[in-house]
C-alpha atoms as a PDB file:
ATOM      1  CA  MET A   1      23.195   7.405   3.332  1.00  0.00           C
ATOM      2  CA  LYS A   2      24.984   7.826   6.647  1.00  0.00           C
ATOM      3  CA  VAL A   3      25.539  10.312   9.447  1.00  0.00           C
ATOM      4  CA  GLU A   4      29.087  11.054  10.611  1.00  0.00           C
ATOM      5  CA  ASP A   5      30.508  13.047  13.511  1.00  0.00           C
ATOM      6  CA  PRO A   6      33.274  15.679  13.041  1.00  0.00           C
ATOM      7  CA  THR A   7      35.958  12.962  13.165  1.00  0.00           C
ATOM      8  CA  GLY A   8      34.324  10.976  10.359  1.00  0.00           C
ATOM      9  CA  LYS A   9      33.010   8.285  12.666  1.00  0.00           C
ATOM     10  CA  GLU A  10      29.831   6.701  11.333  1.00  0.00           C
ATOM     11  CA  LEU A  11      26.911   7.179  13.730  1.00  0.00           C
ATOM     12  CA  SER A  12      24.041   5.776  11.675  1.00  0.00           C
ATOM     13  CA  ARG A  13      23.436   4.324   8.224  1.00  0.00           C
ATOM     14  CA  SER A  14      20.529   3.464   5.916  1.00  0.00           C
ATOM     15  CA  ASP A  15      20.331   1.756   2.544  1.00  0.00           C
ATOM     16  CA  ASP A  16      16.877   0.845   1.207  1.00  0.00           C
ATOM     17  CA  SER A  17      13.864   1.857   3.283  1.00  0.00           C
ATOM     18  CA  GLY A  18      11.501  -1.122   3.515  1.00  0.00           C
ATOM     19  CA  ARG A  19      10.470  -1.982  -0.062  1.00  0.00           C
ATOM     20  CA  SER A  20      11.666   1.405  -1.359  1.00  0.00           C
ATOM     21  CA  THR A  21      15.080   1.799  -2.965  1.00  0.00           C
ATOM     22  CA  ASP A  22      15.421   5.251  -1.384  1.00  0.00           C
ATOM     23  CA  PRO A  23      17.169   5.399   2.010  1.00  0.00           C
ATOM     24  CA  GLU A  24      15.350   6.844   4.993  1.00  0.00           C
ATOM     25  CA  LEU A  25      17.009   7.474   8.329  1.00  0.00           C
ATOM     26  CA  SER A  26      15.649   8.514  11.716  1.00  0.00           C
ATOM     27  CA  TRP A  27      18.428   9.788  13.970  1.00  0.00           C
ATOM     28  CA  ASN A  28      18.706  11.756  17.228  1.00  0.00           C
ATOM     29  CA  ALA A  29      21.779  13.869  18.014  1.00  0.00           C
ATOM     30  CA  LEU A  30      22.975  13.103  21.534  1.00  0.00           C
ATOM     31  CA  ALA A  31      24.914  16.371  21.854  1.00  0.00           C
ATOM     32  CA  ASP A  32      25.322  19.735  20.161  1.00  0.00           C
ATOM     33  CA  GLY A  33      27.880  19.781  17.386  1.00  0.00           C
ATOM     34  CA  LYS A  34      28.505  19.559  13.661  1.00  0.00           C
ATOM     35  CA  TYR A  35      27.433  16.396  11.884  1.00  0.00           C
ATOM     36  CA  SER A  36      27.608  15.376   8.246  1.00  0.00           C
ATOM     37  CA  VAL A  37      25.054  13.530   6.116  1.00  0.00           C
ATOM     38  CA  VAL A  38      26.970  11.536   3.512  1.00  0.00           C
ATOM     39  CA  ILE A  39      25.341  10.240   0.318  1.00  0.00           C
ATOM     40  CA  GLY A  40      27.029   7.571  -1.755  1.00  0.00           C
ATOM     41  CA  ASP A  41      26.477   4.758  -4.254  1.00  0.00           C
ATOM     42  CA  LEU A  42      27.070   1.331  -2.710  1.00  0.00           C
ATOM     43  CA  ILE A  43      28.029  -0.203  -6.050  1.00  0.00           C
ATOM     44  CA  GLN A  44      30.393   2.645  -6.933  1.00  0.00           C
ATOM     45  CA  GLN A  45      28.469   3.818  -9.979  1.00  0.00           C
ATOM     46  CA  GLY A  46      27.915   7.410  -8.910  1.00  0.00           C
ATOM     47  CA  GLY A  47      29.378  10.353 -10.739  1.00  0.00           C
ATOM     48  CA  SER A  48      29.341  14.114 -11.261  1.00  0.00           C
ATOM     49  CA  ASP A  49      26.244  13.789 -13.455  1.00  0.00           C
ATOM     50  CA  PHE A  50      24.242  12.016 -10.722  1.00  0.00           C
ATOM     51  CA  LEU A  51      21.733  14.121  -8.802  1.00  0.00           C
ATOM     52  CA  TYR A  52      20.557  13.392  -5.276  1.00  0.00           C
ATOM     53  CA  ARG A  53      17.718  15.059  -3.425  1.00  0.00           C
ATOM     54  CA  LEU A  54      18.106  15.200   0.352  1.00  0.00           C
ATOM     55  CA  GLU A  55      15.193  16.141   2.598  1.00  0.00           C
ATOM     56  CA  MET A  56      15.612  16.725   6.320  1.00  0.00           C
ATOM     57  CA  ILE A  57      12.560  17.198   8.527  1.00  0.00           C
ATOM     58  CA  GLN A  58      11.629  16.939  12.168  1.00  0.00           C
ATOM     59  CA  PRO A  59       9.599  13.738  12.488  1.00  0.00           C
ATOM     60  CA  LYS A  60       5.900  14.101  13.247  1.00  0.00           C
ATOM     61  CA  PRO A  61       3.393  11.374  14.096  1.00  0.00           C
ATOM     62  CA  ALA A  62       2.175   9.835  10.837  1.00  0.00           C
ATOM     63  CA  PHE A  63       1.216   6.539   9.216  1.00  0.00           C
ATOM     64  CA  LYS A  64       1.875   4.691   5.976  1.00  0.00           C
ATOM     65  CA  VAL A  65      -0.166   2.006   4.254  1.00  0.00           C
ATOM     66  CA  ALA A  66       0.831  -0.569   1.636  1.00  0.00           C
ATOM     67  CA  THR A  67      -0.366  -3.829   0.124  1.00  0.00           C
ATOM     68  CA  GLU A  68       1.330  -6.653  -1.756  1.00  0.00           C
ATOM     69  CA  SER A  69      -1.721  -7.122  -3.993  1.00  0.00           C
ATOM     70  CA  HIS A  70      -1.954  -5.083  -7.184  1.00  0.00           C
ATOM     71  CA  ALA A  71      -4.649  -7.243  -8.851  1.00  0.00           C
ATOM     72  CA  LEU A  72      -7.652  -9.164  -7.507  1.00  0.00           C
ATOM     73  CA  ARG A  73     -10.324 -11.470  -8.917  1.00  0.00           C
ATOM     74  CA  LEU A  74     -13.770 -11.548  -7.334  1.00  0.00           C
ATOM     75  CA  ASP A  75     -16.587 -13.889  -8.412  1.00  0.00           C
ATOM     76  CA  ALA A  76     -20.212 -12.775  -8.077  1.00  0.00           C
ATOM     77  CA  GLY A  77     -21.693 -14.050  -4.830  1.00  0.00           C
ATOM     78  CA  LYS A  78     -18.232 -14.527  -3.317  1.00  0.00           C
ATOM     79  CA  THR A  79     -15.818 -12.718  -0.992  1.00  0.00           C
ATOM     80  CA  VAL A  80     -12.069 -12.107  -1.242  1.00  0.00           C
ATOM     81  CA  ASP A  81      -9.639 -10.899   1.425  1.00  0.00           C
ATOM     82  CA  LEU A  82      -7.238  -8.045   0.734  1.00  0.00           C
ATOM     83  CA  LYS A  83      -4.320  -7.795   3.172  1.00  0.00           C
ATOM     84  CA  VAL A  84      -3.016  -4.358   4.013  1.00  0.00           C
ATOM     85  CA  ASN A  85      -0.023  -3.344   6.113  1.00  0.00           C
ATOM     86  CA  VAL A  86      -0.275  -0.144   8.159  1.00  0.00           C
ATOM     87  CA  ALA A  87       2.809   1.324   9.846  1.00  0.00           C
ATOM     88  CA  ARG A  88       2.388   3.788  12.691  1.00  0.00           C
ATOM     89  CA  LEU A  89       5.317   6.218  12.635  1.00  0.00           C
ATOM     90  CA  HIS A  90       6.833   8.414  15.338  1.00  0.00           C
ATOM     91  CA  GLY A  91       4.260   7.634  17.990  1.00  0.00           C
ATOM     92  CA  PHE A  92       1.090   7.996  15.917  1.00  0.00           C
ATOM     93  CA  ALA A  93      -1.588   6.716  18.299  1.00  0.00           C
ATOM     94  CA  SER A  94      -4.913   7.890  16.834  1.00  0.00           C
ATOM     95  CA  SER A  95      -7.439   5.435  15.442  1.00  0.00           C
ATOM     96  CA  ILE A  96      -7.035   4.331  11.823  1.00  0.00           C
ATOM     97  CA  LEU A  97      -9.660   2.691   9.620  1.00  0.00           C
ATOM     98  CA  VAL A  98      -8.945   0.812   6.378  1.00  0.00           C
ATOM     99  CA  VAL A  99     -11.501   0.508   3.568  1.00  0.00           C
ATOM    100  CA  ALA A 100     -11.583   0.023  -0.216  1.00  0.00           C
ATOM    101  CA  ASP A 101     -12.851   2.890  -2.365  1.00  0.00           C
ATOM    102  CA  GLU A 102     -14.073   3.468  -5.929  1.00  0.00           C
ATOM    103  CA  LEU A 103     -15.633   0.007  -6.124  1.00  0.00           C
ATOM    104  CA  PRO A 104     -17.744  -1.175  -9.077  1.00  0.00           C
ATOM    105  CA  ASP A 105     -21.513  -1.521  -8.673  1.00  0.00           C
ATOM    106  CA  GLY A 106     -22.460  -4.603  -6.677  1.00  0.00           C
ATOM    107  CA  VAL A 107     -19.160  -4.730  -4.770  1.00  0.00           C
ATOM    108  CA  THR A 108     -18.785  -3.668  -1.137  1.00  0.00           C
ATOM    109  CA  SER A 109     -15.920  -3.424   1.338  1.00  0.00           C
ATOM    110  CA  THR A 110     -15.715  -3.966   5.063  1.00  0.00           C
ATOM    111  CA  VAL A 111     -14.142  -1.293   7.263  1.00  0.00           C
ATOM    112  CA  THR A 112     -11.316  -2.621   9.444  1.00  0.00           C
ATOM    113  CA  SER A 113      -9.753  -0.941  12.464  1.00  0.00           C
ATOM    114  CA  VAL A 114      -5.954  -0.943  12.758  1.00  0.00           C
ATOM    115  CA  PRO A 115      -4.550  -2.218  16.086  1.00  0.00           C
ATOM    116  CA  ALA A 116      -2.538   0.065  18.364  1.00  0.00           C
ATOM    117  CA  LYS A 117       0.757  -1.447  17.200  1.00  0.00           C
ATOM    118  CA  GLY A 118      -0.146  -1.256  13.525  1.00  0.00           C
ATOM    119  CA  GLY A 119       0.762  -4.181  11.305  1.00  0.00           C
ATOM    120  CA  GLU A 120      -1.225  -6.325   8.883  1.00  0.00           C
ATOM    121  CA  VAL A 121      -5.010  -6.140   8.689  1.00  0.00           C
ATOM    122  CA  ALA A 122      -7.479  -7.543   6.168  1.00  0.00           C
ATOM    123  CA  ILE A 123     -10.534  -6.069   4.501  1.00  0.00           C
ATOM    124  CA  LYS A 124     -13.145  -8.163   2.728  1.00  0.00           C
ATOM    125  CA  LEU A 125     -14.485  -7.336  -0.713  1.00  0.00           C
ATOM    126  CA  SER A 126     -17.855  -8.917  -1.454  1.00  0.00           C
ATOM    127  CA  ALA A 127     -19.737  -9.126  -4.739  1.00  0.00           C
ATOM    128  CA  SER A 128     -23.504  -9.535  -4.791  1.00  0.00           C
ATOM    129  CA  ASP A 129     -25.057 -12.482  -6.626  1.00  0.00           C
ATOM    130  CA  ASN A 130     -26.139 -10.219  -9.464  1.00  0.00           C
ATOM    131  CA  ALA A 131     -22.894  -8.228  -9.693  1.00  0.00           C
ATOM    132  CA  LYS A 132     -22.032  -7.466 -13.304  1.00  0.00           C
ATOM    133  CA  ALA A 133     -18.695  -8.262 -14.915  1.00  0.00           C
ATOM    134  CA  ALA A 134     -16.203  -5.450 -14.414  1.00  0.00           C
ATOM    135  CA  ASN A 135     -12.543  -4.582 -14.785  1.00  0.00           C
ATOM    136  CA  ALA A 136     -11.736  -1.455 -12.845  1.00  0.00           C
ATOM    137  CA  PRO A 137      -9.027   0.152 -10.709  1.00  0.00           C
ATOM    138  CA  ILE A 138      -9.854   0.611  -7.035  1.00  0.00           C
ATOM    139  CA  ARG A 139      -8.055   2.274  -4.138  1.00  0.00           C
ATOM    140  CA  VAL A 140      -7.453   1.235  -0.541  1.00  0.00           C
ATOM    141  CA  LEU A 141      -7.619   4.051   1.986  1.00  0.00           C
ATOM    142  CA  ALA A 142      -6.300   4.323   5.521  1.00  0.00           C
ATOM    143  CA  ILE A 143      -8.304   6.991   7.290  1.00  0.00           C
ATOM    144  CA  GLN A 144      -7.689   8.763  10.581  1.00  0.00           C
ATOM    145  CA  PRO A 145     -11.276   9.935  11.226  1.00  0.00           C
ATOM    146  CA  ASP A 146     -10.571  13.071  13.261  1.00  0.00           C
ATOM    147  CA  LEU A 147     -13.497  15.438  12.773  1.00  0.00           C
ATOM    148  CA  ASP A 148     -11.258  18.500  13.056  1.00  0.00           C
ATOM    149  CA  ALA A 149      -8.330  17.325  10.924  1.00  0.00           C
ATOM    150  CA  PRO A 150      -8.967  13.972   9.200  1.00  0.00           C
ATOM    151  CA  GLN A 151      -6.027  12.327   7.468  1.00  0.00           C
ATOM    152  CA  VAL A 152      -6.196   9.960   4.512  1.00  0.00           C
ATOM    153  CA  GLN A 153      -3.415   7.845   3.037  1.00  0.00           C
ATOM    154  CA  VAL A 154      -3.785   5.785  -0.144  1.00  0.00           C
ATOM    155  CA  ALA A 155      -2.205   2.333  -0.020  1.00  0.00           C
ATOM    156  CA  ALA A 156       0.772   1.787  -2.274  1.00  0.00           C
ATOM    157  CA  ALA A 157       0.520  -1.527  -4.123  1.00  0.00           C
ATOM    158  CA  ILE A 158       3.963  -3.029  -4.698  1.00  0.00           C
ATOM    159  CA  LEU A 159       4.648  -3.984  -8.324  1.00  0.00           C
ATOM    160  CA  LYS A 160       8.286  -5.000  -7.954  1.00  0.00           C
ATOM    161  CA  GLY A 161       8.969  -8.583  -6.887  1.00  0.00           C
ATOM    162  CA  GLN A 162      10.545  -9.333  -3.523  1.00  0.00           C
ATOM    163  CA  ASN A 163      13.951 -10.124  -5.063  1.00  0.00           C
ATOM    164  CA  ALA A 164      13.852  -7.738  -8.035  1.00  0.00           C
ATOM    165  CA  ALA A 165      16.852  -5.470  -8.381  1.00  0.00           C
ATOM    166  CA  ALA A 166      16.426  -1.733  -8.013  1.00  0.00           C
ATOM    167  CA  GLY A 167      15.578  -0.063 -11.292  1.00  0.00           C
ATOM    168  CA  ASP A 168      14.261  -3.199 -13.006  1.00  0.00           C
ATOM    169  CA  MET A 169      10.887  -1.523 -13.496  1.00  0.00           C
ATOM    170  CA  LEU A 170      10.098   2.076 -14.425  1.00  0.00           C
ATOM    171  CA  VAL A 171       7.255   2.054 -11.892  1.00  0.00           C
ATOM    172  CA  ASP A 172       7.715   0.018  -8.714  1.00  0.00           C
ATOM    173  CA  GLN A 173       4.381   0.804  -7.064  1.00  0.00           C
ATOM    174  CA  THR A 174       0.914   2.138  -7.808  1.00  0.00           C
ATOM    175  CA  GLU A 175      -2.070   3.475  -5.894  1.00  0.00           C
ATOM    176  CA  LYS A 176      -4.476   1.679  -8.253  1.00  0.00           C
ATOM    177  CA  ILE A 177      -5.359  -1.967  -7.576  1.00  0.00           C
ATOM    178  CA  TRP A 178      -6.965  -3.751 -10.511  1.00  0.00           C
ATOM    179  CA  LEU A 179     -10.191  -5.546  -9.613  1.00  0.00           C
ATOM    180  CA  THR A 180     -11.779  -8.071 -11.967  1.00  0.00           C
ATOM    181  CA  VAL A 181     -15.366  -9.050 -11.166  1.00  0.00           C
ATOM    182  CA  ILE A 182     -16.626 -12.267 -12.754  1.00  0.00           C
ATOM    183  CA  ALA A 183     -20.407 -12.314 -13.241  1.00  0.00           C
ATOM    184  CA  LYS A 184     -22.414 -15.499 -12.796  1.00  0.00           C
ATOM    185  CA  PRO A 185     -23.144 -17.260 -16.107  1.00  0.00           C
ATOM    186  CA  PRO A 186     -26.706 -16.884 -17.411  1.00  0.00           C
ATOM    187  CA  PRO A 187     -29.033 -19.782 -16.560  1.00  0.00           C
ATOM    188  CA  ASP A 188     -29.064 -22.616 -19.090  1.00  0.00           C
ATOM    189  CA  SER A 189     -32.265 -22.443 -21.154  1.00  0.00           C
ATOM    190  CA  LYS A 190     -32.490 -26.261 -21.493  1.00  0.00           C
ATOM    191  CA  THR A 191     -32.309 -26.667 -17.719  1.00  0.00           C
ATOM    192  CA  GLU A 192     -35.124 -24.117 -17.325  1.00  0.00           C
ATOM    193  CA  ASP A 193     -37.282 -26.006 -19.848  1.00  0.00           C
ATOM    194  CA  LYS A 194     -36.864 -29.304 -17.987  1.00  0.00           C
ATOM    195  CA  ALA A 195     -37.648 -27.689 -14.661  1.00  0.00           C
ATOM    196  CA  ASP A 196     -40.809 -26.013 -15.965  1.00  0.00           C
ATOM    197  CA  PRO A 197     -42.541 -27.957 -18.802  1.00  0.00           C
ATOM    198  CA  LYS A 198     -45.161 -25.168 -19.072  1.00  0.00           C
ATOM    199  CA  SER A 199     -42.474 -22.800 -20.242  1.00  0.00           C
ATOM    200  CA  LYS A 200     -42.719 -24.512 -23.656  1.00  0.00           C
END
């Protein structure tokens, strides 16, 4: 996708946007006039039966949240870090908190504040000693806790590998992160007998 002036001169261009295969372009017109947004296929495989959806909006302050982790393992009595990347867009300056949601019983999450510049933060998931075995999807939320107009974004977990070609997978991301909780093994009965002879 590119923007051209009336003479056909290219003023700005975008291919993939971050980890997305869809282009996204932020551009300011320096003067009044007619400009063209041109859509094309870089590998020359477009055609009359290809459909493109173009959305043009005036940017507003916003934020996006994503994580590279789409599956986690957590042992009872232990803690695991989950790294999350938060991007502040178009001057979004309000406070943002990151926390995991829809956790199984016995599992808790810390709440982490996002720095003014955005970027990578980490939340800690902790399982109690008596947490039961579980396999469940969880979500990671980025929350702007404004009492009048709170905003919530769900983290997108990337499924596609760093070097995977576009279109290799039918679904490249998901809002559900799979959490596997491993319970502690039951105490060994023979060990208990040796420790307490009266138990016989």
